[in-house]
Amino acid sequence: MVANAFVWLPTFPDLWYDLRSLIYGPFRPYFDYTVSTLGRADFPYSVYTVMTQAPFVVVSLVILGLSLRRLLRGS
């Protein structure tokens, strides 16, 4: 198992960074905006935390809704 770790670990970060850029790529402008709002006195941190998670929640709900619609329509 240790020998396998030496082979696998060096290749993992490159794959992870490639996948991360594909996942976060469409949301990049949104996250650039949220980073610019961090630390502003007129912008509460609680709103910032909700904003940073909103795209993932919305996209997940849309995928779930479309899947359920397809599942129910197919029955």
N, C-alpha and C. Protein backbone atom coordinates (compact mmCIF):
# COMPACT_ATOMS: atom_id res chain seq x y z
N MET A 1 0.81 -1.19 0.00
CA MET A 1 0.00 0.00 0.00
C MET A 1 0.86 1.26 0.00
N VAL A 2 1.94 1.25 0.70
CA VAL A 2 2.82 2.42 0.72
C VAL A 2 3.46 2.63 -0.65
N ALA A 3 3.84 1.57 -1.31
CA ALA A 3 4.43 1.70 -2.65
C ALA A 3 3.43 2.31 -3.61
N ASN A 4 2.16 1.94 -3.47
CA ASN A 4 1.12 2.50 -4.31
C ASN A 4 0.94 3.99 -4.03
N ALA A 5 1.08 4.41 -2.78
CA ALA A 5 0.94 5.82 -2.43
C ALA A 5 2.01 6.67 -3.10
N PHE A 6 3.21 6.13 -3.22
CA PHE A 6 4.27 6.89 -3.87
C PHE A 6 3.98 7.08 -5.35
N VAL A 7 3.30 6.15 -5.96
CA VAL A 7 2.96 6.27 -7.37
C VAL A 7 1.75 7.18 -7.56
N TRP A 8 0.76 7.04 -6.68
CA TRP A 8 -0.50 7.75 -6.85
C TRP A 8 -0.45 9.20 -6.42
N LEU A 9 0.18 9.49 -5.30
CA LEU A 9 0.15 10.84 -4.75
C LEU A 9 0.73 11.92 -5.66
N PRO A 10 1.84 11.68 -6.33
CA PRO A 10 2.34 12.76 -7.19
C PRO A 10 1.42 13.10 -8.35
N THR A 11 0.59 12.16 -8.79
CA THR A 11 -0.30 12.45 -9.91
C THR A 11 -1.61 13.08 -9.47
N PHE A 12 -1.96 12.94 -8.20
CA PHE A 12 -3.25 13.43 -7.72
C PHE A 12 -3.39 14.95 -7.81
N PRO A 13 -2.43 15.76 -7.36
CA PRO A 13 -2.65 17.21 -7.38
C PRO A 13 -2.92 17.76 -8.78
N ASP A 14 -2.23 17.26 -9.79
CA ASP A 14 -2.46 17.78 -11.14
C ASP A 14 -3.89 17.50 -11.59
N LEU A 15 -4.36 16.30 -11.35
CA LEU A 15 -5.73 15.96 -11.73
C LEU A 15 -6.73 16.79 -10.94
N TRP A 16 -6.48 16.95 -9.65
CA TRP A 16 -7.39 17.74 -8.81
C TRP A 16 -7.47 19.18 -9.29
N TYR A 17 -6.35 19.80 -9.61
CA TYR A 17 -6.37 21.19 -10.05
C TYR A 17 -7.06 21.33 -11.40
N ASP A 18 -6.91 20.35 -12.27
CA ASP A 18 -7.60 20.39 -13.55
C ASP A 18 -9.11 20.26 -13.35
N LEU A 19 -9.53 19.33 -12.50
CA LEU A 19 -10.96 19.17 -12.24
C LEU A 19 -11.54 20.39 -11.54
N ARG A 20 -10.79 20.94 -10.62
CA ARG A 20 -11.26 22.12 -9.90
C ARG A 20 -11.46 23.30 -10.84
N SER A 21 -10.55 23.47 -11.79
CA SER A 21 -10.71 24.58 -12.73
C SER A 21 -11.93 24.36 -13.63
N LEU A 22 -12.25 23.11 -13.96
CA LEU A 22 -13.45 22.85 -14.76
C LEU A 22 -14.72 23.10 -13.95
N ILE A 23 -14.71 22.74 -12.67
CA ILE A 23 -15.88 22.92 -11.84
C ILE A 23 -16.10 24.39 -11.51
N TYR A 24 -15.04 25.08 -11.10
CA TYR A 24 -15.17 26.47 -10.68
C TYR A 24 -15.14 27.47 -11.84
N GLY A 25 -14.72 27.04 -13.00
CA GLY A 25 -14.58 27.94 -14.15
C GLY A 25 -15.81 28.77 -14.46
N PRO A 26 -16.98 28.15 -14.58
CA PRO A 26 -18.17 28.94 -14.90
C PRO A 26 -18.55 29.94 -13.80
N PHE A 27 -18.13 29.67 -12.57
CA PHE A 27 -18.48 30.54 -11.46
C PHE A 27 -17.41 31.58 -11.16
N ARG A 28 -16.32 31.63 -11.92
CA ARG A 28 -15.19 32.51 -11.62
C ARG A 28 -15.60 33.98 -11.49
N PRO A 29 -16.38 34.56 -12.42
CA PRO A 29 -16.76 35.97 -12.24
C PRO A 29 -17.56 36.21 -10.96
N TYR A 30 -18.41 35.27 -10.61
CA TYR A 30 -19.21 35.41 -9.40
C TYR A 30 -18.32 35.41 -8.17
N PHE A 31 -17.35 34.49 -8.12
CA PHE A 31 -16.46 34.44 -6.97
C PHE A 31 -15.51 35.63 -6.93
N ASP A 32 -15.13 36.15 -8.07
CA ASP A 32 -14.33 37.38 -8.07
C ASP A 32 -15.12 38.52 -7.43
N TYR A 33 -16.41 38.58 -7.72
CA TYR A 33 -17.25 39.61 -7.11
C TYR A 33 -17.35 39.39 -5.60
N THR A 34 -17.58 38.15 -5.17
CA THR A 34 -17.73 37.91 -3.74
C THR A 34 -16.44 38.20 -2.98
N VAL A 35 -15.30 37.93 -3.58
CA VAL A 35 -14.03 38.25 -2.92
C VAL A 35 -13.88 39.76 -2.78
N SER A 36 -14.35 40.50 -3.76
CA SER A 36 -14.25 41.97 -3.66
C SER A 36 -15.14 42.53 -2.55
N THR A 37 -16.20 41.80 -2.19
CA THR A 37 -17.08 42.28 -1.11
C THR A 37 -16.59 41.89 0.27
N LEU A 38 -15.69 40.94 0.36
CA LEU A 38 -15.20 40.48 1.67
C LEU A 38 -14.41 41.59 2.36
N GLY A 39 -14.76 41.85 3.59
CA GLY A 39 -14.06 42.86 4.37
C GLY A 39 -14.67 44.24 4.29
N ARG A 40 -15.69 44.41 3.49
CA ARG A 40 -16.35 45.72 3.44
C ARG A 40 -17.20 45.89 4.68
N ALA A 41 -17.20 47.07 5.24
CA ALA A 41 -17.94 47.34 6.47
C ALA A 41 -19.45 47.27 6.26
N ASP A 42 -19.90 47.61 5.05
CA ASP A 42 -21.35 47.62 4.79
C ASP A 42 -21.87 46.27 4.29
N PHE A 43 -21.04 45.25 4.34
CA PHE A 43 -21.41 43.94 3.81
C PHE A 43 -21.18 42.89 4.90
N PRO A 44 -22.23 42.40 5.56
CA PRO A 44 -22.06 41.45 6.67
C PRO A 44 -21.45 40.12 6.21
N TYR A 45 -20.67 39.54 7.08
CA TYR A 45 -20.03 38.28 6.75
C TYR A 45 -21.05 37.16 6.54
N SER A 46 -22.16 37.20 7.24
CA SER A 46 -23.18 36.17 7.07
C SER A 46 -23.75 36.19 5.65
N VAL A 47 -23.92 37.38 5.09
CA VAL A 47 -24.39 37.49 3.70
C VAL A 47 -23.32 36.95 2.75
N TYR A 48 -22.07 37.24 3.06
CA TYR A 48 -20.97 36.74 2.23
C TYR A 48 -20.95 35.21 2.19
N THR A 49 -21.14 34.57 3.35
CA THR A 49 -21.09 33.11 3.38
C THR A 49 -22.25 32.51 2.60
N VAL A 50 -23.42 33.11 2.68
CA VAL A 50 -24.56 32.61 1.89
C VAL A 50 -24.30 32.80 0.40
N MET A 51 -23.74 33.95 0.05
CA MET A 51 -23.46 34.23 -1.37
C MET A 51 -22.46 33.25 -1.96
N THR A 52 -21.45 32.87 -1.21
CA THR A 52 -20.43 31.98 -1.77
C THR A 52 -20.95 30.57 -1.97
N GLN A 53 -21.96 30.16 -1.22
CA GLN A 53 -22.52 28.82 -1.37
C GLN A 53 -23.72 28.78 -2.30
N ALA A 54 -24.31 29.91 -2.59
CA ALA A 54 -25.54 29.97 -3.39
C ALA A 54 -25.42 29.30 -4.76
N PRO A 55 -24.36 29.52 -5.53
CA PRO A 55 -24.31 28.88 -6.85
C PRO A 55 -24.37 27.36 -6.77
N PHE A 56 -23.71 26.78 -5.79
CA PHE A 56 -23.70 25.33 -5.68
C PHE A 56 -25.06 24.79 -5.24
N VAL A 57 -25.72 25.51 -4.37
CA VAL A 57 -27.04 25.09 -3.92
C VAL A 57 -28.04 25.22 -5.07
N VAL A 58 -28.01 26.33 -5.78
CA VAL A 58 -28.95 26.56 -6.87
C VAL A 58 -28.73 25.54 -7.98
N VAL A 59 -27.50 25.32 -8.39
CA VAL A 59 -27.22 24.35 -9.45
C VAL A 59 -27.63 22.95 -9.02
N SER A 60 -27.36 22.59 -7.78
CA SER A 60 -27.76 21.28 -7.28
C SER A 60 -29.27 21.11 -7.29
N LEU A 61 -30.00 22.15 -6.87
CA LEU A 61 -31.46 22.08 -6.87
C LEU A 61 -32.02 22.01 -8.28
N VAL A 62 -31.42 22.72 -9.21
CA VAL A 62 -31.87 22.65 -10.60
C VAL A 62 -31.66 21.25 -11.16
N ILE A 63 -30.49 20.67 -10.92
CA ILE A 63 -30.22 19.32 -11.40
C ILE A 63 -31.18 18.32 -10.76
N LEU A 64 -31.42 18.46 -9.47
CA LEU A 64 -32.36 17.58 -8.78
C LEU A 64 -33.77 17.73 -9.35
N GLY A 65 -34.21 18.96 -9.56
CA GLY A 65 -35.54 19.20 -10.12
C GLY A 65 -35.70 18.62 -11.51
N LEU A 66 -34.69 18.82 -12.36
CA LEU A 66 -34.76 18.26 -13.71
C LEU A 66 -34.75 16.74 -13.68
N SER A 67 -33.98 16.18 -12.78
CA SER A 67 -33.93 14.72 -12.67
C SER A 67 -35.27 14.16 -12.19
N LEU A 68 -35.85 14.80 -11.18
CA LEU A 68 -37.16 14.35 -10.69
C LEU A 68 -38.24 14.49 -11.75
N ARG A 69 -38.21 15.58 -12.47
CA ARG A 69 -39.19 15.78 -13.55
C ARG A 69 -39.06 14.69 -14.61
N ARG A 70 -37.83 14.39 -14.95
CA ARG A 70 -37.60 13.34 -15.95
C ARG A 70 -38.02 11.98 -15.42
N LEU A 71 -37.73 11.72 -14.16
CA LEU A 71 -38.10 10.46 -13.54
C LEU A 71 -39.61 10.30 -13.45
N LEU A 72 -40.30 11.33 -13.02
CA LEU A 72 -41.76 11.26 -12.88
C LEU A 72 -42.46 11.21 -14.24
N ARG A 73 -41.93 11.91 -15.21
CA ARG A 73 -42.52 11.89 -16.53
C ARG A 73 -42.32 10.54 -17.22
N GLY A 74 -41.19 9.89 -16.92
CA GLY A 74 -40.89 8.60 -17.53
C GLY A 74 -41.71 7.47 -16.97
N SER A 75 -42.29 7.64 -15.77
CA SER A 75 -43.06 6.56 -15.14
C SER A 75 -44.44 6.42 -15.72
